[in-house]
Structures are given as structure tokens and as C-alpha cells.
C-alpha atoms as a PDB file:
ATOM      1  CA  MET A   1      98.493 102.056 130.452  1.00  0.00           C
ATOM      2  CA  THR A   2      97.611  99.759 127.628  1.00  0.00           C
ATOM      3  CA  ILE A   3      98.614 100.826 123.972  1.00  0.00           C
ATOM      4  CA  ARG A   4      97.867  99.167 120.750  1.00  0.00           C
ATOM      5  CA  VAL A   5     100.277  98.664 117.940  1.00  0.00           C
ATOM      6  CA  ASP A   6      98.729  97.688 114.641  1.00  0.00           C
ATOM      7  CA  ASN A   7      99.554  96.937 110.916  1.00  0.00           C
ATOM      8  CA  LEU A   8     102.150  94.458 111.986  1.00  0.00           C
ATOM      9  CA  ASN A   9     103.656  91.917 109.683  1.00  0.00           C
ATOM     10  CA  ASP A  10     102.451  88.497 110.117  1.00  0.00           C
ATOM     11  CA  MET A  11     105.897  87.324 111.087  1.00  0.00           C
ATOM     12  CA  THR A  12     106.289  89.737 113.957  1.00  0.00           C
ATOM     13  CA  CYS A  13     106.921  88.019 117.370  1.00  0.00           C
ATOM     14  CA  PRO A  14     107.359  89.284 120.995  1.00  0.00           C
ATOM     15  CA  ALA A  15     111.100  89.795 120.600  1.00  0.00           C
ATOM     16  CA  ASP A  16     110.590  92.060 117.590  1.00  0.00           C
ATOM     17  CA  ILE A  17     108.148  94.166 119.643  1.00  0.00           C
ATOM     18  CA  MET A  18     110.612  94.417 122.544  1.00  0.00           C
ATOM     19  CA  THR A  19     113.415  95.425 120.191  1.00  0.00           C
ATOM     20  CA  PHE A  20     111.226  97.940 118.432  1.00  0.00           C
ATOM     21  CA  PHE A  21     110.420  99.629 121.782  1.00  0.00           C
ATOM     22  CA  ALA A  22     113.908  99.306 123.269  1.00  0.00           C
ATOM     23  CA  GLY A  23     115.277 101.084 120.235  1.00  0.00           C
ATOM     24  CA  TYR A  24     113.513 104.224 121.372  1.00  0.00           C
ATOM     25  CA  GLU A  25     114.550 103.699 124.930  1.00  0.00           C
ATOM     26  CA  ILE A  26     110.962 102.556 126.002  1.00  0.00           C
ATOM     27  CA  LYS A  27     111.959  99.888 128.398  1.00  0.00           C
ATOM     28  CA  HIS A  28     108.774  99.697 130.686  1.00  0.00           C
ATOM     29  CA  VAL A  29     106.770  97.199 128.848  1.00  0.00           C
ATOM     30  CA  SER A  30     105.169  94.766 131.242  1.00  0.00           C
ATOM     31  CA  LYS A  31     103.077  92.638 129.065  1.00  0.00           C
ATOM     32  CA  ILE A  32     102.541  91.933 125.334  1.00  0.00           C
ATOM     33  CA  MET A  33      99.299  90.494 124.190  1.00  0.00           C
ATOM     34  CA  PHE A  34      99.091  89.179 120.568  1.00  0.00           C
ATOM     35  CA  VAL A  35      95.695  88.854 119.048  1.00  0.00           C
ATOM     36  CA  ARG A  36      95.351  85.754 117.121  1.00  0.00           C
ATOM     37  CA  ASN A  37      92.688  83.629 115.247  1.00  0.00           C
ATOM     38  CA  PHE A  38      90.811  81.250 117.561  1.00  0.00           C
ATOM     39  CA  ASP A  39      91.458  78.132 115.339  1.00  0.00           C
ATOM     40  CA  SER A  40      95.187  78.929 114.361  1.00  0.00           C
ATOM     41  CA  PRO A  41      98.156  80.696 115.359  1.00  0.00           C
ATOM     42  CA  ILE A  42      97.871  83.277 112.743  1.00  0.00           C
ATOM     43  CA  ALA A  43      98.120  86.859 114.053  1.00  0.00           C
ATOM     44  CA  HIS A  44      95.555  89.542 113.381  1.00  0.00           C
ATOM     45  CA  GLY A  45      98.233  92.132 112.800  1.00  0.00           C
ATOM     46  CA  TYR A  46      98.023  93.965 116.108  1.00  0.00           C
ATOM     47  CA  VAL A  47      99.113  93.729 119.662  1.00  0.00           C
ATOM     48  CA  PHE A  48      98.316  95.270 122.998  1.00  0.00           C
ATOM     49  CA  LEU A  49     101.076  96.326 125.301  1.00  0.00           C
ATOM     50  CA  ASP A  50     100.967  97.306 129.018  1.00  0.00           C
ATOM     51  CA  ILE A  51     103.596 100.028 129.944  1.00  0.00           C
ATOM     52  CA  GLU A  52     103.859 100.645 133.607  1.00  0.00           C
ATOM     53  CA  ASP A  53     104.842 104.303 133.209  1.00  0.00           C
ATOM     54  CA  ASP A  54     102.281 106.597 131.608  1.00  0.00           C
ATOM     55  CA  ALA A  55     104.824 109.116 130.643  1.00  0.00           C
ATOM     56  CA  ALA A  56     106.748 106.391 128.727  1.00  0.00           C
ATOM     57  CA  ALA A  57     103.448 105.069 127.012  1.00  0.00           C
ATOM     58  CA  HIS A  58     102.654 108.601 125.783  1.00  0.00           C
ATOM     59  CA  ARG A  59     106.480 109.009 124.603  1.00  0.00           C
ATOM     60  CA  ALA A  60     106.021 105.661 122.888  1.00  0.00           C
ATOM     61  CA  ILE A  61     103.043 106.867 121.034  1.00  0.00           C
ATOM     62  CA  GLU A  62     104.621 110.006 120.037  1.00  0.00           C
ATOM     63  CA  GLN A  63     107.969 108.310 118.924  1.00  0.00           C
ATOM     64  CA  LEU A  64     106.722 105.153 117.399  1.00  0.00           C
ATOM     65  CA  ASN A  65     103.445 105.956 115.781  1.00  0.00           C
ATOM     66  CA  ASN A  66     103.861 105.722 111.825  1.00  0.00           C
ATOM     67  CA  SER A  67     107.372 104.163 112.250  1.00  0.00           C
ATOM     68  CA  LYS A  68     108.364 100.964 110.427  1.00  0.00           C
ATOM     69  CA  ILE A  69     108.691  97.439 111.996  1.00  0.00           C
ATOM     70  CA  LEU A  70     109.565  94.573 109.721  1.00  0.00           C
ATOM     71  CA  GLY A  71     108.682  96.683 106.623  1.00  0.00           C
ATOM     72  CA  ASN A  72     105.178  97.714 107.760  1.00  0.00           C
ATOM     73  CA  VAL A  73     104.334 101.229 109.036  1.00  0.00           C
ATOM     74  CA  ALA A  74     102.865 100.685 112.385  1.00  0.00           C
ATOM     75  CA  GLY A  75     100.089 102.734 114.049  1.00  0.00           C
ATOM     76  CA  VAL A  76     100.670 103.114 117.888  1.00  0.00           C
ATOM     77  CA  THR A  77      97.777 104.462 119.955  1.00  0.00           C
ATOM     78  CA  ILE A  78      96.158 104.334 123.367  1.00  0.00           C
ATOM     79  CA  ALA A  79      93.977 101.245 123.522  1.00  0.00           C
ATOM     80  CA  GLY A  80      90.360 101.594 124.103  1.00  0.00           C
END
């Protein structure tokens, strides 16, 4: 299942995302896709994550939606 995490700080990196999810025992993230500007490396403030286990994806949404990552309150939803 693919989920979207938005309202991220511009300084957020893949390691921050993995730490964020691992802290809640969500360890089935198979892919992280940062959305960036075409002409520069600046991030748009959201990422898509593929989580292999649908139950873990739903648990991530329930546990992580509206929680803080690097000072910002993140929104975690099903992508689509």
C-alpha cells in the first residue's frame, strides 16, 4: 500500500522518515519517494512510501497522522 506523508520540513531526508516510522515499530517500508522540483533539489514537503504489509500501513496512518517530525505536524494518509 502507498501512503503519503505531507507538511514535511524542507530539511527532511530519507533517514528522518525511516527513523520516524521505526520509532512507532513500522518497519515494512520498502520504498520512499520524495517529490522535488524539476529544476532544483528542493522538496515539495511530502513523500510517498510503499509499505508491504497493509495492516502496518493502516497502523502507520492511525499512529502517525498529526504527529511531529522535525518540528512540523505531519499528515499521514492513504495515497490516491
